[in-house]
Amino acid sequence: MTGILGGMVGSLTRLPTGQQLFTSTGTWTAPAGVNFVSVVAVGGGGGGSAHTSGITGAGSGGGLGWKNNIPVVPGITYNVVVGARGLSDTNIATTNNATAGGQSYFISPSLVAGNGGGAGVYGSSAVYNSVGGTYVGDGGGNGGRGGTTIWSPNNSYSTRSSRVCNFKV
């Protein structure tokens, strides 16, 4: 049996037999005959910053961690935590009120986890990129860094994206 966690999930209409998808925090009870599970945990992405002038940053991607052959006991209930997405700035006159994404994990954050992506940051003199979420487990990948948008007085914008990811097999 494989459990899949995710802070942000596209439309899935049908999972392969033996898999379960969690889109919110809850519990999972090991069914009879299941002694080991494999889990993929994806942290929530960070929220983006906003402001009327200067440099604004996009939130970064959540990390993805996976772990195979986690021992479980049939009939025992285990915690499943799904990290929420970060919230974007809600007022362009207020700087830096975006939030980071939440951590997703199975049983314990030290067993297998996808950590949340960083929040976008507003700045006036440098490029601010939020840091991608990290991971815990047998392998996984860090979330990509957030991009930036630079505003100039003539109402033009320049966008820079950062596509830095790290994946371990």
N, C-alpha and C. Protein backbone atom coordinates (compact mmCIF):
# COMPACT_ATOMS: atom_id res chain seq x y z
N MET A 1 0.85 -1.17 0.00
CA MET A 1 0.00 0.00 0.00
C MET A 1 0.89 1.23 0.00
N THR A 2 0.54 2.22 -0.78
CA THR A 2 1.30 3.46 -0.85
C THR A 2 0.38 4.60 -0.45
N GLY A 3 0.87 5.49 0.40
CA GLY A 3 0.13 6.70 0.75
C GLY A 3 0.76 7.88 0.06
N ILE A 4 -0.04 8.80 -0.42
CA ILE A 4 0.48 9.98 -1.10
C ILE A 4 -0.03 11.21 -0.37
N LEU A 5 0.87 12.12 -0.02
CA LEU A 5 0.50 13.36 0.64
C LEU A 5 0.76 14.51 -0.30
N GLY A 6 0.02 15.57 -0.19
CA GLY A 6 0.31 16.73 -1.02
C GLY A 6 -0.38 17.98 -0.55
N GLY A 7 0.35 19.10 -0.52
CA GLY A 7 -0.22 20.38 -0.14
C GLY A 7 -1.08 20.95 -1.25
N MET A 8 -0.75 20.64 -2.48
CA MET A 8 -1.50 21.14 -3.63
C MET A 8 -1.63 19.98 -4.60
N VAL A 9 -2.85 19.60 -4.96
CA VAL A 9 -3.07 18.43 -5.78
C VAL A 9 -3.95 18.80 -6.96
N GLY A 10 -3.54 18.38 -8.16
CA GLY A 10 -4.38 18.58 -9.33
C GLY A 10 -5.56 17.63 -9.29
N SER A 11 -6.35 17.63 -10.34
CA SER A 11 -7.52 16.77 -10.34
C SER A 11 -7.11 15.34 -10.65
N LEU A 12 -7.31 14.47 -9.69
CA LEU A 12 -7.07 13.04 -9.87
C LEU A 12 -8.40 12.34 -9.78
N THR A 13 -8.74 11.62 -10.80
CA THR A 13 -10.03 10.96 -10.78
C THR A 13 -9.93 9.52 -10.29
N ARG A 14 -8.77 8.90 -10.48
CA ARG A 14 -8.64 7.51 -10.08
C ARG A 14 -7.19 7.20 -9.72
N LEU A 15 -6.99 6.66 -8.54
CA LEU A 15 -5.65 6.26 -8.11
C LEU A 15 -5.44 4.79 -8.42
N PRO A 16 -4.19 4.40 -8.64
CA PRO A 16 -3.91 2.97 -8.82
C PRO A 16 -4.33 2.18 -7.58
N THR A 17 -4.67 0.93 -7.78
CA THR A 17 -5.08 0.05 -6.69
C THR A 17 -4.01 0.04 -5.60
N GLY A 18 -4.44 0.15 -4.34
CA GLY A 18 -3.53 0.12 -3.21
C GLY A 18 -2.95 1.45 -2.82
N GLN A 19 -3.32 2.52 -3.51
CA GLN A 19 -2.82 3.85 -3.15
C GLN A 19 -3.94 4.68 -2.54
N GLN A 20 -3.53 5.61 -1.69
CA GLN A 20 -4.49 6.51 -1.06
C GLN A 20 -3.92 7.92 -1.10
N LEU A 21 -4.76 8.90 -1.41
CA LEU A 21 -4.37 10.30 -1.52
C LEU A 21 -4.96 11.08 -0.37
N PHE A 22 -4.14 11.89 0.29
CA PHE A 22 -4.61 12.77 1.35
C PHE A 22 -4.42 14.21 0.90
N THR A 23 -5.50 14.99 0.93
CA THR A 23 -5.43 16.41 0.59
C THR A 23 -5.66 17.29 1.81
N SER A 24 -5.86 16.67 2.96
CA SER A 24 -5.99 17.40 4.22
C SER A 24 -5.47 16.50 5.34
N THR A 25 -5.15 17.12 6.45
CA THR A 25 -4.61 16.39 7.60
C THR A 25 -5.66 15.43 8.16
N GLY A 26 -5.21 14.26 8.59
CA GLY A 26 -6.11 13.26 9.15
C GLY A 26 -5.34 12.08 9.69
N THR A 27 -5.98 10.93 9.67
CA THR A 27 -5.34 9.70 10.14
C THR A 27 -5.55 8.61 9.10
N TRP A 28 -4.74 7.58 9.22
CA TRP A 28 -4.85 6.41 8.35
C TRP A 28 -4.67 5.18 9.22
N THR A 29 -5.56 4.23 9.05
CA THR A 29 -5.49 2.97 9.80
C THR A 29 -4.99 1.87 8.87
N ALA A 30 -3.93 1.19 9.29
CA ALA A 30 -3.36 0.11 8.48
C ALA A 30 -4.36 -1.03 8.38
N PRO A 31 -4.71 -1.44 7.14
CA PRO A 31 -5.64 -2.54 6.98
C PRO A 31 -4.99 -3.90 7.29
N ALA A 32 -5.81 -4.89 7.47
CA ALA A 32 -5.32 -6.25 7.70
C ALA A 32 -4.41 -6.67 6.55
N GLY A 33 -3.31 -7.31 6.88
CA GLY A 33 -2.39 -7.81 5.87
C GLY A 33 -1.37 -6.79 5.37
N VAL A 34 -1.47 -5.53 5.80
CA VAL A 34 -0.52 -4.50 5.38
C VAL A 34 0.48 -4.27 6.50
N ASN A 35 1.74 -4.60 6.25
CA ASN A 35 2.79 -4.48 7.26
C ASN A 35 3.83 -3.41 6.92
N PHE A 36 3.84 -2.95 5.67
CA PHE A 36 4.78 -1.93 5.23
C PHE A 36 4.08 -1.00 4.25
N VAL A 37 4.42 0.28 4.28
CA VAL A 37 3.89 1.25 3.32
C VAL A 37 5.05 2.08 2.77
N SER A 38 4.79 2.68 1.62
CA SER A 38 5.70 3.64 1.01
C SER A 38 4.95 4.96 0.92
N VAL A 39 5.64 6.05 1.23
CA VAL A 39 4.97 7.36 1.31
C VAL A 39 5.73 8.41 0.51
N VAL A 40 4.98 9.27 -0.17
CA VAL A 40 5.51 10.47 -0.81
C VAL A 40 4.83 11.65 -0.13
N ALA A 41 5.64 12.57 0.42
CA ALA A 41 5.09 13.75 1.11
C ALA A 41 5.56 15.01 0.39
N VAL A 42 4.62 15.90 0.07
CA VAL A 42 4.92 17.14 -0.64
C VAL A 42 4.48 18.32 0.22
N GLY A 43 5.42 19.21 0.54
CA GLY A 43 5.11 20.40 1.33
C GLY A 43 4.34 21.42 0.52
N GLY A 44 3.60 22.27 1.21
CA GLY A 44 2.86 23.35 0.55
C GLY A 44 3.80 24.41 0.02
N GLY A 45 3.46 25.01 -1.11
CA GLY A 45 4.26 26.10 -1.68
C GLY A 45 4.07 27.39 -0.90
N GLY A 46 5.08 28.24 -0.90
CA GLY A 46 5.02 29.51 -0.19
C GLY A 46 4.17 30.54 -0.93
N GLY A 47 3.60 31.48 -0.19
CA GLY A 47 2.81 32.56 -0.77
C GLY A 47 3.71 33.65 -1.34
N GLY A 48 3.22 34.38 -2.31
CA GLY A 48 4.00 35.45 -2.94
C GLY A 48 3.79 36.80 -2.28
N SER A 49 4.80 37.66 -2.43
CA SER A 49 4.69 39.01 -1.87
C SER A 49 4.08 39.95 -2.91
N ALA A 50 3.64 41.10 -2.45
CA ALA A 50 3.07 42.10 -3.34
C ALA A 50 3.38 43.49 -2.80
N HIS A 51 3.59 44.42 -3.70
CA HIS A 51 3.80 45.81 -3.29
C HIS A 51 3.63 46.69 -4.51
N THR A 52 3.43 47.98 -4.28
CA THR A 52 3.20 48.90 -5.38
C THR A 52 4.48 49.36 -6.07
N SER A 53 5.63 49.14 -5.46
CA SER A 53 6.88 49.52 -6.10
C SER A 53 8.02 48.65 -5.60
N GLY A 54 9.10 48.61 -6.35
CA GLY A 54 10.27 47.86 -5.93
C GLY A 54 10.26 46.44 -6.44
N ILE A 55 10.84 45.55 -5.67
CA ILE A 55 11.03 44.16 -6.06
C ILE A 55 10.13 43.27 -5.21
N THR A 56 9.35 42.43 -5.86
CA THR A 56 8.52 41.48 -5.13
C THR A 56 8.95 40.07 -5.48
N GLY A 57 8.73 39.15 -4.57
CA GLY A 57 9.16 37.78 -4.79
C GLY A 57 8.01 36.80 -4.75
N ALA A 58 8.10 35.80 -5.62
CA ALA A 58 7.12 34.72 -5.61
C ALA A 58 7.47 33.73 -4.51
N GLY A 59 6.48 33.04 -4.02
CA GLY A 59 6.75 31.97 -3.06
C GLY A 59 7.44 30.81 -3.75
N SER A 60 8.20 30.05 -2.99
CA SER A 60 8.92 28.91 -3.58
C SER A 60 8.12 27.63 -3.45
N GLY A 61 8.56 26.62 -4.16
CA GLY A 61 7.89 25.33 -4.15
C GLY A 61 8.17 24.52 -2.89
N GLY A 62 7.22 23.69 -2.51
CA GLY A 62 7.41 22.80 -1.37
C GLY A 62 8.34 21.65 -1.73
N GLY A 63 9.04 21.12 -0.75
CA GLY A 63 9.91 19.97 -0.96
C GLY A 63 9.10 18.69 -1.07
N LEU A 64 9.71 17.67 -1.66
CA LEU A 64 9.08 16.36 -1.81
C LEU A 64 10.02 15.32 -1.22
N GLY A 65 9.53 14.59 -0.23
CA GLY A 65 10.30 13.51 0.37
C GLY A 65 9.57 12.19 0.19
N TRP A 66 10.34 11.11 0.01
CA TRP A 66 9.71 9.79 -0.09
C TRP A 66 10.48 8.79 0.76
N LYS A 67 9.76 7.78 1.20
CA LYS A 67 10.38 6.71 1.99
C LYS A 67 9.62 5.42 1.71
N ASN A 68 10.38 4.36 1.46
CA ASN A 68 9.80 3.05 1.20
C ASN A 68 9.90 2.15 2.43
N ASN A 69 9.03 1.14 2.46
CA ASN A 69 9.06 0.08 3.47
C ASN A 69 9.00 0.60 4.91
N ILE A 70 8.07 1.47 5.18
CA ILE A 70 7.84 1.96 6.54
C ILE A 70 7.01 0.89 7.25
N PRO A 71 7.49 0.35 8.37
CA PRO A 71 6.72 -0.69 9.05
C PRO A 71 5.47 -0.12 9.73
N VAL A 72 4.35 -0.79 9.54
CA VAL A 72 3.09 -0.44 10.19
C VAL A 72 2.47 -1.71 10.76
N VAL A 73 1.54 -1.53 11.68
CA VAL A 73 0.86 -2.66 12.32
C VAL A 73 -0.62 -2.60 11.93
N PRO A 74 -1.15 -3.68 11.35
CA PRO A 74 -2.57 -3.68 10.98
C PRO A 74 -3.45 -3.32 12.18
N GLY A 75 -4.44 -2.45 11.92
CA GLY A 75 -5.37 -2.02 12.96
C GLY A 75 -4.91 -0.78 13.73
N ILE A 76 -3.66 -0.39 13.60
CA ILE A 76 -3.15 0.80 14.29
C ILE A 76 -3.37 2.03 13.41
N THR A 77 -3.75 3.15 14.04
CA THR A 77 -4.01 4.40 13.34
C THR A 77 -2.77 5.30 13.40
N TYR A 78 -2.43 5.89 12.27
CA TYR A 78 -1.25 6.74 12.13
C TYR A 78 -1.64 8.14 11.69
N ASN A 79 -0.86 9.13 12.12
CA ASN A 79 -1.11 10.52 11.74
C ASN A 79 -0.60 10.81 10.33
N VAL A 80 -1.41 11.57 9.59
CA VAL A 80 -1.04 12.06 8.27
C VAL A 80 -1.23 13.58 8.33
N VAL A 81 -0.16 14.33 8.10
CA VAL A 81 -0.23 15.79 8.12
C VAL A 81 0.03 16.32 6.72
N VAL A 82 -0.89 17.13 6.23
CA VAL A 82 -0.76 17.73 4.90
C VAL A 82 -0.58 19.23 5.08
N GLY A 83 0.57 19.73 4.66
CA GLY A 83 0.88 21.15 4.80
C GLY A 83 0.04 22.02 3.88
N ALA A 84 -0.45 23.11 4.42
CA ALA A 84 -1.26 24.05 3.63
C ALA A 84 -0.35 24.91 2.75
N ARG A 85 -0.92 25.45 1.71
CA ARG A 85 -0.18 26.39 0.87
C ARG A 85 0.05 27.67 1.67
N GLY A 86 1.11 28.38 1.35
CA GLY A 86 1.35 29.67 1.99
C GLY A 86 0.37 30.70 1.47
N LEU A 87 0.11 31.72 2.27
CA LEU A 87 -0.81 32.78 1.88
C LEU A 87 -0.04 33.95 1.29
N SER A 88 -0.55 34.51 0.22
CA SER A 88 0.09 35.65 -0.42
C SER A 88 -0.25 36.93 0.33
N ASP A 89 0.56 37.98 0.06
CA ASP A 89 0.26 39.29 0.64
C ASP A 89 -1.18 39.67 0.31
N THR A 90 -1.86 40.22 1.28
CA THR A 90 -3.25 40.60 1.08
C THR A 90 -3.43 42.09 0.89
N ASN A 91 -2.39 42.87 1.14
CA ASN A 91 -2.48 44.32 1.03
C ASN A 91 -1.18 44.81 0.43
N ILE A 92 -1.24 45.39 -0.77
CA ILE A 92 0.00 45.79 -1.44
C ILE A 92 0.69 46.95 -0.75
N ALA A 93 0.04 47.61 0.20
CA ALA A 93 0.69 48.68 0.95
C ALA A 93 1.45 48.13 2.16
N THR A 94 1.21 46.88 2.51
CA THR A 94 1.90 46.25 3.64
C THR A 94 2.96 45.33 3.08
N THR A 95 4.17 45.44 3.57
CA THR A 95 5.23 44.61 3.03
C THR A 95 5.43 43.35 3.85
N ASN A 96 5.77 42.29 3.14
CA ASN A 96 6.22 41.04 3.74
C ASN A 96 5.24 40.38 4.70
N ASN A 97 3.97 40.27 4.31
CA ASN A 97 3.05 39.51 5.15
C ASN A 97 2.64 38.19 4.50
N ALA A 98 3.37 37.78 3.46
CA ALA A 98 3.14 36.45 2.88
C ALA A 98 3.63 35.40 3.87
N THR A 99 3.10 34.19 3.77
CA THR A 99 3.50 33.12 4.69
C THR A 99 4.11 31.94 3.94
N ALA A 100 4.93 31.19 4.65
CA ALA A 100 5.54 29.99 4.09
C ALA A 100 4.51 28.87 3.98
N GLY A 101 4.79 27.90 3.12
CA GLY A 101 3.94 26.72 3.01
C GLY A 101 4.15 25.80 4.20
N GLY A 102 3.20 24.93 4.44
CA GLY A 102 3.26 24.02 5.58
C GLY A 102 3.97 22.71 5.27
N GLN A 103 4.40 22.06 6.32
CA GLN A 103 5.10 20.78 6.22
C GLN A 103 4.10 19.62 6.13
N SER A 104 4.38 18.67 5.24
CA SER A 104 3.58 17.45 5.13
C SER A 104 4.42 16.27 5.60
N TYR A 105 3.80 15.36 6.35
CA TYR A 105 4.56 14.19 6.80
C TYR A 105 3.63 13.05 7.20
N PHE A 106 4.24 11.86 7.32
CA PHE A 106 3.53 10.66 7.76
C PHE A 106 4.17 10.21 9.06
N ILE A 107 3.39 10.00 10.10
CA ILE A 107 3.77 9.57 11.44
C ILE A 107 4.58 10.64 12.17
N SER A 108 5.75 11.02 11.63
CA SER A 108 6.64 11.96 12.30
C SER A 108 7.42 12.76 11.26
N PRO A 109 7.69 14.05 11.50
CA PRO A 109 8.47 14.84 10.54
C PRO A 109 9.89 14.33 10.37
N SER A 110 10.37 13.51 11.30
CA SER A 110 11.73 12.99 11.17
C SER A 110 11.78 11.68 10.38
N LEU A 111 10.61 11.12 10.03
CA LEU A 111 10.55 9.87 9.28
C LEU A 111 10.51 10.12 7.77
N VAL A 112 9.51 10.85 7.32
CA VAL A 112 9.39 11.24 5.91
C VAL A 112 8.58 12.53 5.86
N ALA A 113 9.11 13.53 5.15
CA ALA A 113 8.44 14.83 5.12
C ALA A 113 8.81 15.60 3.87
N GLY A 114 7.88 16.42 3.44
CA GLY A 114 8.12 17.47 2.44
C GLY A 114 7.92 18.78 3.19
N ASN A 115 8.96 19.58 3.30
CA ASN A 115 8.86 20.84 4.04
C ASN A 115 8.33 21.94 3.15
N GLY A 116 7.63 22.88 3.77
CA GLY A 116 6.99 23.96 3.03
C GLY A 116 7.97 24.91 2.38
N GLY A 117 7.54 25.48 1.25
CA GLY A 117 8.35 26.47 0.55
C GLY A 117 8.30 27.81 1.27
N GLY A 118 9.34 28.60 1.06
CA GLY A 118 9.43 29.91 1.71
C GLY A 118 8.49 30.93 1.10
N ALA A 119 8.16 31.93 1.90
CA ALA A 119 7.29 33.02 1.45
C ALA A 119 8.08 34.00 0.59
N GLY A 120 7.42 34.60 -0.38
CA GLY A 120 8.03 35.65 -1.18
C GLY A 120 8.28 36.88 -0.32
N VAL A 121 9.31 37.63 -0.65
CA VAL A 121 9.72 38.78 0.15
C VAL A 121 9.74 40.03 -0.71
N TYR A 122 9.28 41.14 -0.17
CA TYR A 122 9.35 42.43 -0.84
C TYR A 122 10.66 43.11 -0.48
N GLY A 123 11.30 43.76 -1.43
CA GLY A 123 12.53 44.49 -1.16
C GLY A 123 12.66 45.68 -2.08
N SER A 124 13.63 46.54 -1.82
CA SER A 124 13.77 47.73 -2.64
C SER A 124 15.12 47.84 -3.34
N SER A 125 16.10 47.06 -2.94
CA SER A 125 17.41 47.25 -3.56
C SER A 125 18.10 45.97 -3.98
N ALA A 126 17.50 44.84 -3.79
CA ALA A 126 18.14 43.57 -4.16
C ALA A 126 17.09 42.59 -4.65
N VAL A 127 17.53 41.55 -5.28
CA VAL A 127 16.61 40.51 -5.75
C VAL A 127 16.36 39.55 -4.59
N TYR A 128 15.09 39.34 -4.28
CA TYR A 128 14.70 38.47 -3.18
C TYR A 128 14.03 37.23 -3.73
N ASN A 129 14.63 36.10 -3.50
CA ASN A 129 14.04 34.83 -3.91
C ASN A 129 13.82 33.98 -2.67
N SER A 130 12.61 33.51 -2.50
CA SER A 130 12.36 32.63 -1.36
C SER A 130 13.02 31.28 -1.61
N VAL A 131 13.38 30.61 -0.54
CA VAL A 131 14.09 29.33 -0.62
C VAL A 131 13.08 28.19 -0.70
N GLY A 132 13.36 27.24 -1.57
CA GLY A 132 12.47 26.09 -1.73
C GLY A 132 12.49 25.19 -0.50
N GLY A 133 11.37 24.50 -0.28
CA GLY A 133 11.26 23.57 0.84
C GLY A 133 12.22 22.40 0.68
N THR A 134 12.67 21.87 1.79
CA THR A 134 13.58 20.73 1.80
C THR A 134 12.77 19.45 2.04
N TYR A 135 13.46 18.34 2.26
CA TYR A 135 12.76 17.07 2.45
C TYR A 135 13.49 16.19 3.45
N VAL A 136 12.76 15.18 3.95
CA VAL A 136 13.30 14.15 4.83
C VAL A 136 12.83 12.82 4.26
N GLY A 137 13.70 11.81 4.23
CA GLY A 137 13.30 10.49 3.76
C GLY A 137 14.43 9.78 3.05
N ASP A 138 14.09 8.70 2.34
CA ASP A 138 15.07 7.96 1.56
C ASP A 138 15.58 8.78 0.39
N GLY A 139 14.78 9.69 -0.09
CA GLY A 139 15.14 10.54 -1.22
C GLY A 139 14.08 11.59 -1.41
N GLY A 140 14.26 12.41 -2.43
CA GLY A 140 13.30 13.46 -2.70
C GLY A 140 13.94 14.61 -3.43
N GLY A 141 13.33 15.77 -3.33
CA GLY A 141 13.86 16.95 -3.99
C GLY A 141 13.43 18.21 -3.28
N ASN A 142 14.30 19.22 -3.33
CA ASN A 142 13.96 20.52 -2.76
C ASN A 142 13.06 21.27 -3.73
N GLY A 143 12.16 22.08 -3.20
CA GLY A 143 11.31 22.90 -4.05
C GLY A 143 12.13 23.98 -4.73
N GLY A 144 11.67 24.43 -5.89
CA GLY A 144 12.35 25.50 -6.61
C GLY A 144 12.22 26.84 -5.90
N ARG A 145 13.23 27.69 -6.07
CA ARG A 145 13.20 29.03 -5.48
C ARG A 145 12.14 29.87 -6.18
N GLY A 146 11.59 30.84 -5.44
CA GLY A 146 10.61 31.75 -6.02
C GLY A 146 11.28 32.75 -6.95
N GLY A 147 10.57 33.20 -7.96
CA GLY A 147 11.08 34.21 -8.88
C GLY A 147 10.84 35.61 -8.33
N THR A 148 11.25 36.62 -9.08
CA THR A 148 11.08 38.00 -8.65
C THR A 148 10.48 38.83 -9.77
N THR A 149 9.81 39.90 -9.38
CA THR A 149 9.31 40.89 -10.32
C THR A 149 9.84 42.24 -9.88
N ILE A 150 10.43 42.99 -10.81
CA ILE A 150 10.98 44.31 -10.49
C ILE A 150 10.09 45.36 -11.14
N TRP A 151 9.57 46.27 -10.32
CA TRP A 151 8.70 47.34 -10.79
C TRP A 151 9.52 48.59 -11.00
N SER A 152 9.25 49.30 -12.07
CA SER A 152 9.95 50.57 -12.30
C SER A 152 8.93 51.70 -12.41
N PRO A 153 9.35 52.97 -12.23
CA PRO A 153 8.41 54.11 -12.22
C PRO A 153 7.59 54.27 -13.49
N ASN A 154 8.05 53.78 -14.63
CA ASN A 154 7.27 53.92 -15.86
C ASN A 154 6.27 52.79 -16.04
N ASN A 155 5.95 52.11 -14.93
CA ASN A 155 4.95 51.03 -14.91
C ASN A 155 5.33 49.82 -15.75
N SER A 156 6.61 49.59 -15.92
CA SER A 156 7.03 48.38 -16.61
C SER A 156 7.53 47.37 -15.59
N TYR A 157 7.42 46.12 -15.92
CA TYR A 157 7.81 45.05 -15.01
C TYR A 157 8.81 44.14 -15.69
N SER A 158 9.72 43.62 -14.93
CA SER A 158 10.69 42.65 -15.41
C SER A 158 10.61 41.45 -14.48
N THR A 159 10.38 40.30 -15.02
CA THR A 159 10.24 39.10 -14.19
C THR A 159 11.46 38.20 -14.37
N ARG A 160 11.98 37.71 -13.24
CA ARG A 160 13.09 36.78 -13.25
C ARG A 160 12.63 35.52 -12.52
N SER A 161 12.79 34.40 -13.17
CA SER A 161 12.40 33.17 -12.48
C SER A 161 13.65 32.39 -12.12
N SER A 162 13.53 31.66 -11.03
CA SER A 162 14.62 30.79 -10.60
C SER A 162 14.10 29.36 -10.63
N ARG A 163 14.76 28.54 -11.36
CA ARG A 163 14.32 27.14 -11.49
C ARG A 163 15.41 26.23 -10.95
N VAL A 164 15.67 26.38 -9.68
CA VAL A 164 16.69 25.57 -9.05
C VAL A 164 16.02 24.47 -8.25
N CYS A 165 16.25 23.24 -8.62
CA CYS A 165 15.69 22.10 -7.92
C CYS A 165 16.81 21.12 -7.61
N ASN A 166 16.64 20.35 -6.57
CA ASN A 166 17.62 19.35 -6.19
C ASN A 166 16.86 18.05 -5.96
N PHE A 167 17.28 17.00 -6.63
CA PHE A 167 16.58 15.72 -6.50
C PHE A 167 17.59 14.63 -6.15
N LYS A 168 17.29 13.83 -5.16
CA LYS A 168 18.17 12.74 -4.74
C LYS A 168 17.47 11.41 -4.97
N VAL A 169 18.14 10.49 -5.62
CA VAL A 169 17.59 9.17 -5.86
C VAL A 169 18.26 8.17 -4.95
